[in-house]
N, C-alpha and C. Protein backbone atom coordinates (compact mmCIF):
# COMPACT_ATOMS: atom_id res chain seq x y z
N GLY A 1 56.86 83.85 110.90
CA GLY A 1 55.77 83.60 110.02
C GLY A 1 55.98 82.34 109.21
N PHE A 2 55.01 82.07 108.39
CA PHE A 2 55.00 80.83 107.62
C PHE A 2 56.13 80.77 106.59
N GLY A 3 56.38 81.81 105.86
CA GLY A 3 57.38 81.78 104.80
C GLY A 3 58.68 82.47 105.19
N SER A 4 59.01 82.50 106.44
CA SER A 4 60.19 83.24 106.88
C SER A 4 61.51 82.54 106.55
N GLY A 5 61.48 81.29 106.18
CA GLY A 5 62.71 80.57 105.85
C GLY A 5 63.38 79.96 107.05
N LYS A 6 62.86 80.16 108.23
CA LYS A 6 63.46 79.56 109.42
C LYS A 6 62.91 78.16 109.61
N GLY A 7 63.66 77.36 110.27
CA GLY A 7 63.17 76.01 110.57
C GLY A 7 63.85 74.97 109.72
N LYS A 8 63.05 74.24 108.95
CA LYS A 8 63.57 73.11 108.19
C LYS A 8 64.57 73.55 107.13
N LYS A 9 65.63 72.76 107.03
CA LYS A 9 66.60 72.97 105.97
C LYS A 9 66.77 71.65 105.23
N ARG A 10 66.92 71.75 103.95
CA ARG A 10 67.13 70.55 103.16
C ARG A 10 68.61 70.26 103.05
N ALA A 11 68.92 68.99 103.06
CA ALA A 11 70.32 68.59 102.88
C ALA A 11 70.68 68.80 101.41
N SER A 12 71.77 69.47 101.17
CA SER A 12 72.16 69.76 99.80
C SER A 12 72.99 68.63 99.20
N LYS A 13 73.44 67.72 100.02
CA LYS A 13 74.30 66.63 99.55
C LYS A 13 73.49 65.34 99.46
N ALA A 14 73.57 64.68 98.33
CA ALA A 14 72.85 63.42 98.15
C ALA A 14 73.56 62.32 98.92
N PRO A 15 72.83 61.39 99.50
CA PRO A 15 73.46 60.30 100.25
C PRO A 15 74.23 59.38 99.31
N THR A 16 75.31 58.81 99.80
CA THR A 16 76.09 57.89 98.98
C THR A 16 75.55 56.49 99.16
N ARG A 17 75.77 55.66 98.15
CA ARG A 17 75.23 54.30 98.19
C ARG A 17 76.10 53.34 98.97
N SER A 18 77.40 53.60 98.99
CA SER A 18 78.30 52.69 99.70
C SER A 18 79.29 53.50 100.52
N PRO A 19 79.85 52.86 101.54
CA PRO A 19 80.81 53.58 102.36
C PRO A 19 82.03 53.99 101.54
N ALA A 20 82.58 55.15 101.84
CA ALA A 20 83.72 55.63 101.10
C ALA A 20 85.01 55.05 101.68
N PRO A 21 85.65 54.16 100.94
CA PRO A 21 86.90 53.61 101.43
C PRO A 21 88.03 54.63 101.27
N GLY A 22 89.20 54.27 101.72
CA GLY A 22 90.35 55.16 101.61
C GLY A 22 90.60 55.56 100.16
N PRO A 23 90.94 56.82 99.92
CA PRO A 23 91.07 57.32 98.56
C PRO A 23 92.18 56.67 97.73
N GLY A 24 93.24 56.18 98.37
CA GLY A 24 94.35 55.64 97.62
C GLY A 24 94.27 54.14 97.39
N SER A 25 93.18 53.52 97.73
CA SER A 25 93.07 52.07 97.66
C SER A 25 92.95 51.57 96.23
N GLU A 26 93.89 50.70 95.83
CA GLU A 26 93.85 50.10 94.50
C GLU A 26 92.62 49.21 94.34
N ALA A 27 92.34 48.42 95.37
CA ALA A 27 91.23 47.48 95.29
C ALA A 27 89.90 48.20 95.11
N THR A 28 89.70 49.29 95.83
CA THR A 28 88.41 49.97 95.77
C THR A 28 88.20 50.68 94.43
N LYS A 29 89.26 51.03 93.73
CA LYS A 29 89.11 51.65 92.42
C LYS A 29 88.49 50.68 91.43
N LEU A 30 88.71 49.39 91.64
CA LEU A 30 88.21 48.38 90.70
C LEU A 30 86.70 48.17 90.81
N PHE A 31 86.12 48.41 91.98
CA PHE A 31 84.68 48.19 92.10
C PHE A 31 83.93 49.45 92.48
N GLU A 32 84.42 50.57 92.02
CA GLU A 32 83.77 51.84 92.30
C GLU A 32 82.31 51.79 91.85
N GLY A 33 81.43 52.22 92.72
CA GLY A 33 80.01 52.22 92.39
C GLY A 33 79.27 50.98 92.86
N LYS A 34 80.00 49.94 93.28
CA LYS A 34 79.36 48.73 93.79
C LYS A 34 79.59 48.64 95.29
N HIS A 35 78.65 48.07 95.99
CA HIS A 35 78.77 47.91 97.43
C HIS A 35 79.76 46.78 97.73
N PRO A 36 80.68 46.97 98.69
CA PRO A 36 81.69 45.95 98.98
C PRO A 36 81.11 44.57 99.32
N VAL A 37 79.97 44.53 99.99
CA VAL A 37 79.35 43.24 100.35
C VAL A 37 78.94 42.49 99.07
N CYS A 38 78.39 43.22 98.10
CA CYS A 38 77.99 42.60 96.83
C CYS A 38 79.22 42.13 96.05
N VAL A 39 80.26 42.95 96.03
CA VAL A 39 81.47 42.59 95.30
C VAL A 39 82.10 41.34 95.90
N LEU A 40 82.19 41.29 97.22
CA LEU A 40 82.78 40.11 97.87
C LEU A 40 81.97 38.86 97.55
N GLN A 41 80.66 38.98 97.55
CA GLN A 41 79.82 37.83 97.23
C GLN A 41 80.06 37.37 95.79
N GLU A 42 80.18 38.32 94.86
CA GLU A 42 80.46 37.99 93.46
C GLU A 42 81.80 37.28 93.33
N VAL A 43 82.81 37.82 93.98
CA VAL A 43 84.15 37.24 93.91
C VAL A 43 84.15 35.81 94.45
N CYS A 44 83.52 35.63 95.61
CA CYS A 44 83.47 34.29 96.21
C CYS A 44 82.72 33.30 95.32
N ALA A 45 81.66 33.75 94.68
CA ALA A 45 80.90 32.87 93.79
C ALA A 45 81.74 32.48 92.58
N LYS A 46 82.41 33.45 91.97
CA LYS A 46 83.22 33.17 90.78
C LYS A 46 84.41 32.27 91.09
N LYS A 47 84.98 32.42 92.28
CA LYS A 47 86.15 31.63 92.66
C LYS A 47 85.77 30.34 93.39
N HIS A 48 84.45 30.09 93.54
CA HIS A 48 83.94 28.90 94.25
C HIS A 48 84.45 28.84 95.69
N TRP A 49 84.43 29.99 96.38
CA TRP A 49 84.89 30.09 97.76
C TRP A 49 83.72 30.03 98.74
N GLY A 50 82.55 29.68 98.31
CA GLY A 50 81.39 29.62 99.19
C GLY A 50 80.83 31.01 99.47
N VAL A 51 79.72 31.04 100.14
CA VAL A 51 79.05 32.31 100.46
C VAL A 51 79.71 32.91 101.71
N PRO A 52 80.11 34.18 101.65
CA PRO A 52 80.71 34.81 102.83
C PRO A 52 79.69 34.89 103.98
N SER A 53 80.16 34.64 105.19
CA SER A 53 79.26 34.78 106.34
C SER A 53 79.80 35.87 107.25
N TYR A 54 78.89 36.68 107.76
CA TYR A 54 79.23 37.83 108.59
C TYR A 54 78.78 37.57 110.02
N ASN A 55 79.67 37.85 110.96
CA ASN A 55 79.35 37.69 112.38
C ASN A 55 79.77 38.94 113.13
N MET A 56 78.96 39.31 114.10
CA MET A 56 79.28 40.46 114.92
C MET A 56 80.49 40.10 115.79
N ALA A 57 81.53 40.92 115.70
CA ALA A 57 82.75 40.69 116.48
C ALA A 57 82.73 41.53 117.75
N GLY A 58 81.92 42.55 117.77
CA GLY A 58 81.81 43.41 118.94
C GLY A 58 80.77 44.47 118.67
N SER A 59 80.08 44.91 119.71
CA SER A 59 79.09 45.96 119.52
C SER A 59 78.84 46.72 120.80
N SER A 60 78.62 47.97 120.61
CA SER A 60 78.25 48.85 121.71
C SER A 60 77.84 50.17 121.09
N HIS A 61 76.81 50.75 121.61
CA HIS A 61 76.38 52.04 121.08
C HIS A 61 77.40 53.12 121.42
N MET A 62 78.25 52.86 122.38
CA MET A 62 79.29 53.82 122.75
C MET A 62 80.52 53.68 121.86
N THR A 63 80.94 52.45 121.59
CA THR A 63 82.18 52.24 120.83
C THR A 63 81.94 51.88 119.37
N GLY A 64 80.74 51.51 119.01
CA GLY A 64 80.43 51.17 117.63
C GLY A 64 80.27 49.67 117.42
N PHE A 65 80.15 49.30 116.15
CA PHE A 65 79.91 47.91 115.75
C PHE A 65 81.10 47.40 114.95
N LEU A 66 81.37 46.12 115.12
CA LEU A 66 82.49 45.50 114.42
C LEU A 66 82.05 44.12 113.93
N PHE A 67 82.19 43.88 112.63
CA PHE A 67 81.86 42.59 112.03
C PHE A 67 83.12 41.91 111.55
N ARG A 68 83.07 40.59 111.48
CA ARG A 68 84.11 39.83 110.79
C ARG A 68 83.41 39.03 109.71
N VAL A 69 84.11 38.81 108.61
CA VAL A 69 83.56 38.03 107.51
C VAL A 69 84.44 36.81 107.29
N THR A 70 83.78 35.66 107.11
CA THR A 70 84.48 34.41 106.90
C THR A 70 84.13 33.86 105.53
N THR A 71 85.18 33.49 104.78
CA THR A 71 85.02 32.83 103.49
C THR A 71 85.75 31.50 103.57
N ASP A 72 85.67 30.72 102.51
CA ASP A 72 86.37 29.43 102.48
C ASP A 72 87.89 29.60 102.56
N ILE A 73 88.38 30.79 102.25
CA ILE A 73 89.84 30.97 102.24
C ILE A 73 90.36 31.80 103.41
N GLY A 74 89.48 32.23 104.31
CA GLY A 74 89.96 32.96 105.48
C GLY A 74 88.91 33.81 106.15
N THR A 75 89.31 34.36 107.30
CA THR A 75 88.45 35.25 108.07
C THR A 75 89.12 36.62 108.10
N PHE A 76 88.30 37.65 107.91
CA PHE A 76 88.82 39.02 107.82
C PHE A 76 88.02 39.92 108.75
N GLN A 77 88.73 40.82 109.42
CA GLN A 77 88.08 41.74 110.35
C GLN A 77 88.81 43.08 110.31
N PRO A 78 88.07 44.16 110.15
CA PRO A 78 88.72 45.48 110.17
C PRO A 78 89.22 45.82 111.57
N THR A 79 90.09 46.78 111.66
CA THR A 79 90.65 47.16 112.96
C THR A 79 89.83 48.23 113.65
N THR A 80 88.95 48.90 112.91
CA THR A 80 88.14 49.96 113.51
C THR A 80 86.66 49.61 113.44
N SER A 81 85.91 50.12 114.40
CA SER A 81 84.47 49.87 114.43
C SER A 81 83.73 50.99 113.69
N SER A 82 82.45 50.77 113.44
CA SER A 82 81.61 51.73 112.74
C SER A 82 80.42 52.11 113.60
N HIS A 83 79.81 53.24 113.27
CA HIS A 83 78.67 53.72 114.05
C HIS A 83 77.38 52.97 113.72
N SER A 84 77.36 52.21 112.62
CA SER A 84 76.15 51.45 112.27
C SER A 84 76.53 50.02 111.88
N LYS A 85 75.58 49.11 112.04
CA LYS A 85 75.81 47.71 111.68
C LYS A 85 76.05 47.57 110.18
N LYS A 86 75.28 48.32 109.40
CA LYS A 86 75.39 48.25 107.94
C LYS A 86 76.80 48.67 107.48
N LYS A 87 77.29 49.74 108.03
CA LYS A 87 78.62 50.22 107.66
C LYS A 87 79.70 49.26 108.17
N ALA A 88 79.51 48.68 109.34
CA ALA A 88 80.47 47.73 109.90
C ALA A 88 80.58 46.49 109.01
N LYS A 89 79.45 46.03 108.49
CA LYS A 89 79.45 44.87 107.60
C LYS A 89 80.18 45.21 106.30
N ALA A 90 79.94 46.40 105.79
CA ALA A 90 80.63 46.84 104.57
C ALA A 90 82.13 46.96 104.81
N GLN A 91 82.52 47.42 105.99
CA GLN A 91 83.95 47.53 106.32
C GLN A 91 84.60 46.15 106.36
N ALA A 92 83.90 45.16 106.88
CA ALA A 92 84.43 43.80 106.93
C ALA A 92 84.64 43.27 105.51
N ALA A 93 83.66 43.50 104.65
CA ALA A 93 83.78 43.06 103.25
C ALA A 93 84.95 43.77 102.57
N LEU A 94 85.07 45.05 102.83
CA LEU A 94 86.16 45.82 102.25
C LEU A 94 87.52 45.32 102.73
N GLU A 95 87.60 44.98 103.99
CA GLU A 95 88.85 44.43 104.54
C GLU A 95 89.22 43.13 103.81
N ALA A 96 88.23 42.27 103.58
CA ALA A 96 88.48 41.02 102.86
C ALA A 96 88.91 41.31 101.42
N LEU A 97 88.24 42.22 100.77
CA LEU A 97 88.58 42.55 99.39
C LEU A 97 89.98 43.14 99.27
N GLU A 98 90.33 44.00 100.21
CA GLU A 98 91.68 44.57 100.22
C GLU A 98 92.72 43.46 100.39
N SER A 99 92.46 42.53 101.28
CA SER A 99 93.39 41.44 101.54
C SER A 99 93.51 40.48 100.36
N LEU A 100 92.43 40.34 99.63
CA LEU A 100 92.40 39.39 98.52
C LEU A 100 92.66 40.05 97.16
N HIS A 101 93.07 41.28 97.17
CA HIS A 101 93.19 42.08 95.96
C HIS A 101 93.85 41.33 94.79
N ASP A 102 95.00 40.76 95.00
CA ASP A 102 95.71 40.09 93.91
C ASP A 102 94.96 38.88 93.37
N LEU A 103 94.15 38.26 94.21
CA LEU A 103 93.43 37.06 93.79
C LEU A 103 92.18 37.37 92.99
N TYR A 104 91.61 38.57 93.16
CA TYR A 104 90.32 38.81 92.50
C TYR A 104 90.35 39.90 91.44
N VAL A 105 91.51 40.45 91.10
CA VAL A 105 91.57 41.49 90.07
C VAL A 105 90.95 41.01 88.77
N ASP A 106 91.27 39.79 88.36
CA ASP A 106 90.74 39.25 87.11
C ASP A 106 89.23 39.07 87.17
N VAL A 107 88.70 38.70 88.33
CA VAL A 107 87.25 38.49 88.48
C VAL A 107 86.51 39.82 88.33
N LEU A 108 87.02 40.85 88.98
CA LEU A 108 86.36 42.14 88.91
C LEU A 108 86.44 42.72 87.51
N SER A 109 87.54 42.55 86.85
CA SER A 109 87.69 43.08 85.49
C SER A 109 86.64 42.45 84.57
N SER A 110 86.41 41.16 84.71
CA SER A 110 85.43 40.50 83.85
C SER A 110 84.00 40.85 84.25
N SER A 111 83.76 41.13 85.55
CA SER A 111 82.39 41.42 85.98
C SER A 111 81.95 42.81 85.57
N ARG A 112 82.89 43.70 85.26
CA ARG A 112 82.52 45.05 84.83
C ARG A 112 81.91 45.01 83.42
N THR A 113 82.33 44.04 82.62
CA THR A 113 81.84 43.96 81.25
C THR A 113 80.73 42.94 81.10
N GLY A 114 80.39 42.25 82.15
CA GLY A 114 79.33 41.25 82.08
C GLY A 114 79.85 39.88 82.46
N PHE A 115 78.96 38.93 82.57
CA PHE A 115 79.36 37.58 82.99
C PHE A 115 79.54 36.69 81.80
């Protein structure tokens, strides 16, 4: 019948705004709540490293998507692929942020309180 409760179910969990990085990551604790792509762009702007550019490093609906990100100071690519392009791009940004952790701690600390 109409009100039997069978059929559609609502998701009880709200979607997250950004991919969940590894729980023990020091770098990710600093920008909690911000998307890694946005954080990397902010860091590059503050350090005058140019705008990060993202390129597809590999793709397949079977194996996933893999992006690499290039900045004025280097190219970074995660070791694992993602099931979506959006998540793969975020993983590339996260890989760069993890690698650059010591260089951008001061930038992130100041961006939390304003510019």
